[in-house]
Amino acid sequence: MGDKPLNRLIATLCLGATLSLPLAARADETADRVAAATALVNKTLIKNLQTGFNVALEKTVAPMPEARAESVRKELTDEFDKQRGIMVEGLSKEYAQKFTLAELKHLDEIYADPTYLKFQTMNADPNSAATAISQNSVTKLLNMLAVASATDNTPKPGAPPLPPAAAPAPAQK
């Protein structure tokens, strides 16, 4: 009879260990997926965002006096670094949930392909014809959207209603 509590304890410990193995494996798989997604986010989205940000920042500070430009550059770079951290963490977790480890590795292979890298380099170059064509088209479309929005007289959600058109005065007798 004295062996029953010991046998139950051993059985419980074995069951607990057996059940925890899949949890540990899933935690390792999740960590691997997050790590793969983080690497992918950094070498794709963040790399492109960094390039675009740097170009836009320098265009912004170019006309400023150097002291002001340096201050703005530091402030905006600090904020970019903060936002980059938020994006990397959030996007990595999101991609790790939506893609398997095999899919993330496949995406990494695509982004490492020399032909794809050549394609991306050409599109990221602010002086390339591809960039000029894209920017001109996008600028024209954005301008058209802005004009259309400015001339739209329909009430916007949350905006006060437009005043009613003046009704003709009633006829006097």
N, C-alpha and C. Protein backbone atom coordinates (compact mmCIF):
# COMPACT_ATOMS: atom_id res chain seq x y z
N MET A 1 0.80 -1.19 0.00
CA MET A 1 0.00 0.00 0.00
C MET A 1 0.84 1.25 0.00
N GLY A 2 2.02 1.18 0.59
CA GLY A 2 2.89 2.34 0.65
C GLY A 2 3.41 2.73 -0.71
N ASP A 3 3.38 1.82 -1.66
CA ASP A 3 3.90 2.11 -3.00
C ASP A 3 2.91 2.87 -3.87
N LYS A 4 1.62 2.84 -3.54
CA LYS A 4 0.61 3.49 -4.38
C LYS A 4 0.85 5.00 -4.51
N PRO A 5 1.05 5.75 -3.42
CA PRO A 5 1.29 7.19 -3.58
C PRO A 5 2.57 7.46 -4.39
N LEU A 6 3.59 6.65 -4.21
CA LEU A 6 4.83 6.83 -4.97
C LEU A 6 4.59 6.54 -6.45
N ASN A 7 3.84 5.48 -6.73
CA ASN A 7 3.53 5.14 -8.13
C ASN A 7 2.70 6.25 -8.78
N ARG A 8 1.74 6.80 -8.03
CA ARG A 8 0.93 7.91 -8.57
C ARG A 8 1.81 9.13 -8.84
N LEU A 9 2.72 9.41 -7.93
CA LEU A 9 3.62 10.55 -8.11
C LEU A 9 4.49 10.37 -9.34
N ILE A 10 5.04 9.18 -9.50
CA ILE A 10 5.88 8.89 -10.67
C ILE A 10 5.04 8.98 -11.94
N ALA A 11 3.84 8.42 -11.91
CA ALA A 11 2.97 8.46 -13.09
C ALA A 11 2.60 9.90 -13.44
N THR A 12 2.30 10.70 -12.42
CA THR A 12 1.95 12.11 -12.64
C THR A 12 3.14 12.87 -13.21
N LEU A 13 4.32 12.64 -12.67
CA LEU A 13 5.51 13.31 -13.19
C LEU A 13 5.79 12.90 -14.64
N CYS A 14 5.65 11.63 -14.93
CA CYS A 14 5.86 11.16 -16.31
C CYS A 14 4.84 11.78 -17.27
N LEU A 15 3.59 11.81 -16.84
CA LEU A 15 2.54 12.39 -17.67
C LEU A 15 2.81 13.88 -17.89
N GLY A 16 3.18 14.56 -16.82
CA GLY A 16 3.50 15.99 -16.94
C GLY A 16 4.65 16.24 -17.89
N ALA A 17 5.70 15.44 -17.78
CA ALA A 17 6.86 15.57 -18.67
C ALA A 17 6.46 15.29 -20.11
N THR A 18 5.65 14.26 -20.31
CA THR A 18 5.22 13.89 -21.66
C THR A 18 4.37 15.00 -22.27
N LEU A 19 3.48 15.56 -21.49
CA LEU A 19 2.61 16.62 -22.01
C LEU A 19 3.37 17.92 -22.25
N SER A 20 4.43 18.16 -21.51
CA SER A 20 5.17 19.40 -21.68
C SER A 20 6.08 19.37 -22.90
N LEU A 21 6.43 18.19 -23.39
CA LEU A 21 7.30 18.10 -24.56
C LEU A 21 6.72 18.79 -25.79
N PRO A 22 5.45 18.56 -26.12
CA PRO A 22 4.91 19.29 -27.28
C PRO A 22 4.89 20.79 -27.07
N LEU A 23 4.65 21.23 -25.83
CA LEU A 23 4.65 22.68 -25.57
C LEU A 23 6.04 23.27 -25.79
N ALA A 24 7.05 22.57 -25.34
CA ALA A 24 8.42 23.04 -25.54
C ALA A 24 8.76 23.06 -27.03
N ALA A 25 8.34 22.03 -27.74
CA ALA A 25 8.61 21.98 -29.19
C ALA A 25 7.89 23.12 -29.90
N ARG A 26 6.64 23.39 -29.49
CA ARG A 26 5.90 24.50 -30.11
C ARG A 26 6.54 25.83 -29.78
N ALA A 27 7.04 25.98 -28.56
CA ALA A 27 7.72 27.23 -28.18
C ALA A 27 8.98 27.42 -29.01
N ASP A 28 9.74 26.34 -29.22
CA ASP A 28 10.93 26.41 -30.07
C ASP A 28 10.56 26.76 -31.50
N GLU A 29 9.51 26.14 -32.01
CA GLU A 29 9.04 26.40 -33.38
C GLU A 29 8.61 27.86 -33.51
N THR A 30 7.88 28.36 -32.52
CA THR A 30 7.44 29.76 -32.55
C THR A 30 8.64 30.70 -32.50
N ALA A 31 9.58 30.41 -31.63
CA ALA A 31 10.78 31.26 -31.54
C ALA A 31 11.55 31.24 -32.86
N ASP A 32 11.64 30.06 -33.50
CA ASP A 32 12.33 29.96 -34.78
C ASP A 32 11.58 30.76 -35.86
N ARG A 33 10.26 30.69 -35.83
CA ARG A 33 9.47 31.44 -36.82
C ARG A 33 9.62 32.94 -36.60
N VAL A 34 9.59 33.38 -35.35
CA VAL A 34 9.76 34.82 -35.07
C VAL A 34 11.15 35.27 -35.51
N ALA A 35 12.17 34.46 -35.24
CA ALA A 35 13.54 34.82 -35.64
C ALA A 35 13.65 34.90 -37.17
N ALA A 36 13.06 33.94 -37.86
CA ALA A 36 13.10 33.95 -39.33
C ALA A 36 12.32 35.15 -39.87
N ALA A 37 11.18 35.44 -39.27
CA ALA A 37 10.37 36.58 -39.71
C ALA A 37 11.10 37.89 -39.45
N THR A 38 11.77 37.99 -38.31
CA THR A 38 12.52 39.21 -37.98
C THR A 38 13.63 39.45 -39.00
N ALA A 39 14.35 38.40 -39.35
CA ALA A 39 15.41 38.54 -40.35
C ALA A 39 14.82 38.99 -41.69
N LEU A 40 13.69 38.42 -42.05
CA LEU A 40 13.03 38.76 -43.31
C LEU A 40 12.55 40.21 -43.30
N VAL A 41 11.93 40.63 -42.22
CA VAL A 41 11.44 42.01 -42.11
C VAL A 41 12.61 42.99 -42.20
N ASN A 42 13.70 42.69 -41.51
CA ASN A 42 14.85 43.60 -41.52
C ASN A 42 15.49 43.72 -42.90
N LYS A 43 15.56 42.62 -43.63
CA LYS A 43 16.25 42.70 -44.92
C LYS A 43 15.35 43.12 -46.07
N THR A 44 14.06 43.25 -45.82
CA THR A 44 13.15 43.65 -46.89
C THR A 44 12.48 44.98 -46.56
N LEU A 45 11.43 44.90 -45.79
CA LEU A 45 10.62 46.09 -45.51
C LEU A 45 11.42 47.19 -44.83
N ILE A 46 12.15 46.84 -43.79
CA ILE A 46 12.88 47.86 -43.03
C ILE A 46 14.02 48.43 -43.87
N LYS A 47 14.68 47.59 -44.63
CA LYS A 47 15.77 48.08 -45.49
C LYS A 47 15.23 49.10 -46.49
N ASN A 48 14.12 48.78 -47.12
CA ASN A 48 13.52 49.71 -48.09
C ASN A 48 13.00 50.97 -47.41
N LEU A 49 12.40 50.81 -46.25
CA LEU A 49 11.90 51.96 -45.52
C LEU A 49 13.05 52.87 -45.09
N GLN A 50 14.14 52.28 -44.65
CA GLN A 50 15.32 53.05 -44.23
C GLN A 50 15.87 53.86 -45.40
N THR A 51 15.96 53.23 -46.57
CA THR A 51 16.46 53.92 -47.76
C THR A 51 15.56 55.10 -48.11
N GLY A 52 14.26 54.86 -48.15
CA GLY A 52 13.32 55.93 -48.47
C GLY A 52 13.33 57.04 -47.44
N PHE A 53 13.41 56.66 -46.17
CA PHE A 53 13.46 57.65 -45.09
C PHE A 53 14.70 58.52 -45.22
N ASN A 54 15.85 57.90 -45.47
CA ASN A 54 17.10 58.66 -45.58
C ASN A 54 17.03 59.69 -46.71
N VAL A 55 16.49 59.28 -47.85
CA VAL A 55 16.37 60.19 -48.99
C VAL A 55 15.42 61.34 -48.64
N ALA A 56 14.25 61.01 -48.07
CA ALA A 56 13.27 62.04 -47.72
C ALA A 56 13.82 62.98 -46.64
N LEU A 57 14.53 62.43 -45.68
CA LEU A 57 15.10 63.25 -44.61
C LEU A 57 16.10 64.26 -45.17
N GLU A 58 16.97 63.79 -46.04
CA GLU A 58 17.98 64.70 -46.60
C GLU A 58 17.35 65.76 -47.49
N LYS A 59 16.28 65.42 -48.21
CA LYS A 59 15.57 66.43 -49.00
C LYS A 59 14.91 67.45 -48.07
N THR A 60 14.43 67.00 -46.94
CA THR A 60 13.76 67.89 -45.98
C THR A 60 14.74 68.86 -45.34
N VAL A 61 15.91 68.37 -44.96
CA VAL A 61 16.85 69.24 -44.22
C VAL A 61 17.78 70.03 -45.14
N ALA A 62 17.80 69.70 -46.43
CA ALA A 62 18.72 70.38 -47.36
C ALA A 62 18.61 71.90 -47.33
N PRO A 63 17.41 72.49 -47.33
CA PRO A 63 17.35 73.96 -47.34
C PRO A 63 17.55 74.60 -45.96
N MET A 64 17.68 73.83 -44.93
CA MET A 64 17.79 74.38 -43.57
C MET A 64 19.22 74.79 -43.25
N PRO A 65 19.37 75.75 -42.35
CA PRO A 65 20.72 76.05 -41.86
C PRO A 65 21.27 74.79 -41.18
N GLU A 66 22.59 74.60 -41.23
CA GLU A 66 23.20 73.35 -40.77
C GLU A 66 22.85 73.01 -39.33
N ALA A 67 22.84 73.99 -38.42
CA ALA A 67 22.51 73.71 -37.02
C ALA A 67 21.09 73.17 -36.89
N ARG A 68 20.17 73.79 -37.58
CA ARG A 68 18.76 73.32 -37.56
C ARG A 68 18.66 71.96 -38.23
N ALA A 69 19.33 71.79 -39.36
CA ALA A 69 19.29 70.52 -40.08
C ALA A 69 19.79 69.38 -39.20
N GLU A 70 20.86 69.62 -38.47
CA GLU A 70 21.42 68.58 -37.60
C GLU A 70 20.45 68.22 -36.48
N SER A 71 19.79 69.23 -35.91
CA SER A 71 18.81 69.00 -34.85
C SER A 71 17.62 68.19 -35.37
N VAL A 72 17.09 68.59 -36.52
CA VAL A 72 15.96 67.89 -37.13
C VAL A 72 16.38 66.47 -37.51
N ARG A 73 17.55 66.33 -38.09
CA ARG A 73 18.06 65.02 -38.49
C ARG A 73 18.11 64.07 -37.28
N LYS A 74 18.65 64.58 -36.16
CA LYS A 74 18.77 63.76 -34.96
C LYS A 74 17.39 63.38 -34.41
N GLU A 75 16.50 64.36 -34.31
CA GLU A 75 15.16 64.11 -33.77
C GLU A 75 14.41 63.09 -34.62
N LEU A 76 14.42 63.28 -35.93
CA LEU A 76 13.69 62.37 -36.81
C LEU A 76 14.34 60.99 -36.89
N THR A 77 15.65 60.94 -36.84
CA THR A 77 16.34 59.65 -36.85
C THR A 77 16.04 58.87 -35.57
N ASP A 78 16.02 59.56 -34.44
CA ASP A 78 15.67 58.91 -33.18
C ASP A 78 14.26 58.34 -33.23
N GLU A 79 13.33 59.12 -33.77
CA GLU A 79 11.94 58.64 -33.87
C GLU A 79 11.85 57.49 -34.87
N PHE A 80 12.57 57.58 -35.98
CA PHE A 80 12.57 56.48 -36.95
C PHE A 80 13.07 55.20 -36.29
N ASP A 81 14.14 55.31 -35.51
CA ASP A 81 14.68 54.13 -34.82
C ASP A 81 13.65 53.52 -33.88
N LYS A 82 12.93 54.38 -33.17
CA LYS A 82 11.89 53.91 -32.25
C LYS A 82 10.78 53.20 -33.04
N GLN A 83 10.32 53.83 -34.10
CA GLN A 83 9.24 53.25 -34.91
C GLN A 83 9.70 51.97 -35.61
N ARG A 84 10.95 51.93 -36.03
CA ARG A 84 11.49 50.73 -36.66
C ARG A 84 11.40 49.56 -35.69
N GLY A 85 11.77 49.78 -34.42
CA GLY A 85 11.68 48.72 -33.42
C GLY A 85 10.26 48.22 -33.24
N ILE A 86 9.31 49.14 -33.20
CA ILE A 86 7.91 48.77 -33.07
C ILE A 86 7.45 47.96 -34.28
N MET A 87 7.84 48.41 -35.48
CA MET A 87 7.45 47.71 -36.70
C MET A 87 8.07 46.33 -36.78
N VAL A 88 9.36 46.23 -36.48
CA VAL A 88 10.04 44.93 -36.57
C VAL A 88 9.38 43.94 -35.62
N GLU A 89 9.15 44.36 -34.39
CA GLU A 89 8.54 43.46 -33.42
C GLU A 89 7.13 43.04 -33.86
N GLY A 90 6.31 44.01 -34.21
CA GLY A 90 4.92 43.71 -34.60
C GLY A 90 4.82 42.89 -35.87
N LEU A 91 5.56 43.29 -36.89
CA LEU A 91 5.50 42.56 -38.16
C LEU A 91 6.08 41.15 -38.02
N SER A 92 7.14 41.01 -37.25
CA SER A 92 7.74 39.69 -37.06
C SER A 92 6.76 38.73 -36.40
N LYS A 93 6.08 39.20 -35.38
CA LYS A 93 5.09 38.35 -34.70
C LYS A 93 3.93 38.02 -35.64
N GLU A 94 3.48 39.01 -36.39
CA GLU A 94 2.37 38.78 -37.32
C GLU A 94 2.75 37.76 -38.38
N TYR A 95 3.91 37.93 -39.00
CA TYR A 95 4.34 36.99 -40.03
C TYR A 95 4.59 35.61 -39.44
N ALA A 96 5.12 35.54 -38.22
CA ALA A 96 5.37 34.25 -37.57
C ALA A 96 4.06 33.51 -37.32
N GLN A 97 2.98 34.23 -37.11
CA GLN A 97 1.68 33.60 -36.91
C GLN A 97 1.07 33.14 -38.23
N LYS A 98 1.32 33.88 -39.29
CA LYS A 98 0.65 33.61 -40.57
C LYS A 98 1.42 32.66 -41.49
N PHE A 99 2.72 32.51 -41.26
CA PHE A 99 3.55 31.68 -42.14
C PHE A 99 4.23 30.58 -41.34
N THR A 100 4.40 29.44 -41.99
CA THR A 100 5.16 28.36 -41.36
C THR A 100 6.64 28.70 -41.46
N LEU A 101 7.45 27.96 -40.72
CA LEU A 101 8.89 28.16 -40.79
C LEU A 101 9.40 27.87 -42.21
N ALA A 102 8.86 26.84 -42.83
CA ALA A 102 9.26 26.50 -44.21
C ALA A 102 8.91 27.64 -45.17
N GLU A 103 7.75 28.25 -45.00
CA GLU A 103 7.35 29.37 -45.87
C GLU A 103 8.25 30.57 -45.65
N LEU A 104 8.58 30.86 -44.40
CA LEU A 104 9.47 31.99 -44.11
C LEU A 104 10.85 31.76 -44.70
N LYS A 105 11.34 30.53 -44.63
CA LYS A 105 12.64 30.21 -45.23
C LYS A 105 12.58 30.33 -46.75
N HIS A 106 11.45 29.95 -47.34
CA HIS A 106 11.29 30.08 -48.80
C HIS A 106 11.30 31.56 -49.19
N LEU A 107 10.60 32.39 -48.44
CA LEU A 107 10.62 33.83 -48.71
C LEU A 107 12.03 34.38 -48.60
N ASP A 108 12.77 33.92 -47.61
CA ASP A 108 14.16 34.36 -47.43
C ASP A 108 14.99 33.99 -48.66
N GLU A 109 14.77 32.81 -49.19
CA GLU A 109 15.49 32.38 -50.41
C GLU A 109 15.15 33.28 -51.59
N ILE A 110 13.88 33.66 -51.71
CA ILE A 110 13.47 34.55 -52.79
C ILE A 110 14.19 35.89 -52.67
N TYR A 111 14.19 36.45 -51.48
CA TYR A 111 14.82 37.75 -51.26
C TYR A 111 16.34 37.69 -51.37
N ALA A 112 16.92 36.51 -51.27
CA ALA A 112 18.37 36.35 -51.41
C ALA A 112 18.78 36.08 -52.86
N ASP A 113 17.81 35.83 -53.73
CA ASP A 113 18.10 35.51 -55.12
C ASP A 113 18.79 36.71 -55.80
N PRO A 114 19.92 36.49 -56.48
CA PRO A 114 20.66 37.60 -57.11
C PRO A 114 19.84 38.41 -58.13
N THR A 115 18.99 37.73 -58.90
CA THR A 115 18.17 38.45 -59.88
C THR A 115 17.15 39.33 -59.16
N TYR A 116 16.56 38.80 -58.12
CA TYR A 116 15.61 39.60 -57.36
C TYR A 116 16.31 40.79 -56.71
N LEU A 117 17.50 40.57 -56.17
CA LEU A 117 18.25 41.66 -55.55
C LEU A 117 18.57 42.76 -56.57
N LYS A 118 18.92 42.36 -57.79
CA LYS A 118 19.19 43.33 -58.85
C LYS A 118 17.93 44.16 -59.14
N PHE A 119 16.79 43.46 -59.21
CA PHE A 119 15.51 44.10 -59.46
C PHE A 119 15.20 45.10 -58.34
N GLN A 120 15.35 44.69 -57.09
CA GLN A 120 15.07 45.56 -55.96
C GLN A 120 16.04 46.75 -55.90
N THR A 121 17.30 46.52 -56.20
CA THR A 121 18.29 47.59 -56.18
C THR A 121 17.93 48.66 -57.20
N MET A 122 17.51 48.23 -58.38
CA MET A 122 17.12 49.18 -59.42
C MET A 122 15.91 50.00 -58.96
N ASN A 123 14.94 49.34 -58.34
CA ASN A 123 13.73 50.04 -57.90
C ASN A 123 13.98 50.93 -56.69
N ALA A 124 14.99 50.62 -55.90
CA ALA A 124 15.28 51.42 -54.71
C ALA A 124 16.17 52.61 -55.01
N ASP A 125 16.82 52.61 -56.17
CA ASP A 125 17.73 53.70 -56.52
C ASP A 125 16.94 54.95 -56.86
N PRO A 126 17.09 56.02 -56.05
CA PRO A 126 16.31 57.23 -56.30
C PRO A 126 16.64 57.90 -57.64
N ASN A 127 17.77 57.54 -58.24
CA ASN A 127 18.17 58.14 -59.52
C ASN A 127 17.84 57.27 -60.72
N SER A 128 17.20 56.12 -60.51
CA SER A 128 16.92 55.23 -61.63
C SER A 128 15.69 55.71 -62.41
N ALA A 129 15.63 55.30 -63.66
CA ALA A 129 14.48 55.63 -64.50
C ALA A 129 13.22 54.99 -63.93
N ALA A 130 13.34 53.78 -63.37
CA ALA A 130 12.18 53.10 -62.79
C ALA A 130 11.59 53.93 -61.66
N THR A 131 12.43 54.49 -60.84
CA THR A 131 11.96 55.32 -59.72
C THR A 131 11.30 56.59 -60.25
N ALA A 132 11.91 57.22 -61.23
CA ALA A 132 11.35 58.45 -61.80
C ALA A 132 9.98 58.19 -62.41
N ILE A 133 9.85 57.11 -63.15
CA ILE A 133 8.56 56.77 -63.77
C ILE A 133 7.51 56.54 -62.69
N SER A 134 7.87 55.76 -61.68
CA SER A 134 6.92 55.45 -60.60
C SER A 134 6.54 56.72 -59.84
N GLN A 135 7.53 57.52 -59.48
CA GLN A 135 7.24 58.73 -58.71
C GLN A 135 6.36 59.69 -59.48
N ASN A 136 6.63 59.86 -60.77
CA ASN A 136 5.81 60.77 -61.57
C ASN A 136 4.37 60.30 -61.63
N SER A 137 4.17 59.02 -61.85
CA SER A 137 2.81 58.48 -61.92
C SER A 137 2.10 58.57 -60.59
N VAL A 138 2.78 58.19 -59.52
CA VAL A 138 2.18 58.23 -58.19
C VAL A 138 1.85 59.67 -57.80
N THR A 139 2.75 60.61 -58.09
CA THR A 139 2.50 62.01 -57.76
C THR A 139 1.28 62.52 -58.50
N LYS A 140 1.16 62.19 -59.78
CA LYS A 140 0.00 62.63 -60.56
C LYS A 140 -1.29 62.06 -59.97
N LEU A 141 -1.27 60.77 -59.64
CA LEU A 141 -2.47 60.14 -59.07
C LEU A 141 -2.83 60.74 -57.70
N LEU A 142 -1.84 60.98 -56.86
CA LEU A 142 -2.10 61.59 -55.56
C LEU A 142 -2.65 63.00 -55.71
N ASN A 143 -2.12 63.75 -56.65
CA ASN A 143 -2.63 65.10 -56.90
C ASN A 143 -4.09 65.05 -57.37
N MET A 144 -4.40 64.08 -58.24
CA MET A 144 -5.77 63.94 -58.73
C MET A 144 -6.71 63.57 -57.57
N LEU A 145 -6.25 62.70 -56.67
CA LEU A 145 -7.06 62.33 -55.51
C LEU A 145 -7.28 63.53 -54.59
N ALA A 146 -6.26 64.34 -54.42
CA ALA A 146 -6.39 65.52 -53.57
C ALA A 146 -7.38 66.51 -54.16
N VAL A 147 -7.32 66.71 -55.48
CA VAL A 147 -8.24 67.63 -56.14
C VAL A 147 -9.66 67.08 -56.05
N ALA A 148 -9.83 65.79 -56.29
CA ALA A 148 -11.17 65.19 -56.21
C ALA A 148 -11.72 65.31 -54.80
N SER A 149 -10.89 65.11 -53.83
CA SER A 149 -11.33 65.21 -52.43
C SER A 149 -11.71 66.64 -52.08
N ALA A 150 -10.96 67.60 -52.57
CA ALA A 150 -11.21 69.01 -52.26
C ALA A 150 -12.50 69.50 -52.91
N THR A 151 -12.89 68.93 -54.05
CA THR A 151 -14.08 69.39 -54.75
C THR A 151 -15.31 68.57 -54.40
N ASP A 152 -15.16 67.57 -53.55
CA ASP A 152 -16.29 66.73 -53.14
C ASP A 152 -17.10 67.46 -52.09
N ASN A 153 -18.37 67.72 -52.39
CA ASN A 153 -19.22 68.47 -51.47
C ASN A 153 -20.10 67.59 -50.61
N THR A 154 -19.93 66.29 -50.70
CA THR A 154 -20.78 65.41 -49.89
C THR A 154 -20.31 65.47 -48.44
N PRO A 155 -21.24 65.37 -47.51
CA PRO A 155 -20.84 65.43 -46.10
C PRO A 155 -19.92 64.26 -45.74
N LYS A 156 -18.96 64.54 -44.91
CA LYS A 156 -18.02 63.52 -44.44
C LYS A 156 -18.55 62.93 -43.15
N PRO A 157 -18.28 61.66 -42.89
CA PRO A 157 -18.72 61.07 -41.61
C PRO A 157 -18.16 61.89 -40.44
N GLY A 158 -19.03 62.24 -39.53
CA GLY A 158 -18.61 63.01 -38.36
C GLY A 158 -18.61 64.52 -38.59
N ALA A 159 -18.81 64.95 -39.85
CA ALA A 159 -18.81 66.38 -40.14
C ALA A 159 -20.23 66.90 -39.99
N PRO A 160 -20.37 68.16 -39.63
CA PRO A 160 -21.74 68.71 -39.52
C PRO A 160 -22.40 68.72 -40.89
N PRO A 161 -23.71 68.58 -40.93
CA PRO A 161 -24.39 68.57 -42.23
C PRO A 161 -24.26 69.93 -42.92
N LEU A 162 -24.31 69.86 -44.24
CA LEU A 162 -24.27 71.10 -45.02
C LEU A 162 -25.58 71.84 -44.80
N PRO A 163 -25.54 73.19 -44.80
CA PRO A 163 -26.79 73.94 -44.63
C PRO A 163 -27.70 73.69 -45.83
N PRO A 164 -29.02 73.65 -45.58
CA PRO A 164 -29.94 73.40 -46.69
C PRO A 164 -29.90 74.58 -47.67
N ALA A 165 -30.20 74.26 -48.92
CA ALA A 165 -30.26 75.32 -49.94
C ALA A 165 -31.40 76.27 -49.58
N ALA A 166 -31.21 77.52 -49.85
CA ALA A 166 -32.25 78.50 -49.53
C ALA A 166 -33.51 78.22 -50.32
N ALA A 167 -34.62 78.14 -49.61
CA ALA A 167 -35.90 77.90 -50.28
C ALA A 167 -36.45 79.24 -50.75
N PRO A 168 -37.19 79.23 -51.83
CA PRO A 168 -37.77 80.49 -52.29
C PRO A 168 -38.73 81.04 -51.23
N ALA A 169 -38.75 82.33 -51.11
CA ALA A 169 -39.62 82.96 -50.12
C ALA A 169 -41.08 82.73 -50.53
N PRO A 170 -41.96 82.53 -49.53
CA PRO A 170 -43.38 82.32 -49.88
C PRO A 170 -43.95 83.58 -50.54
N ALA A 171 -44.88 83.37 -51.41
CA ALA A 171 -45.50 84.50 -52.13
C ALA A 171 -46.29 85.35 -51.15
N GLN A 172 -46.17 86.67 -51.27
CA GLN A 172 -46.87 87.61 -50.41
C GLN A 172 -48.25 87.90 -51.00
N LYS A 173 -49.26 87.97 -50.17
CA LYS A 173 -50.60 88.24 -50.66
C LYS A 173 -50.96 89.64 -50.43
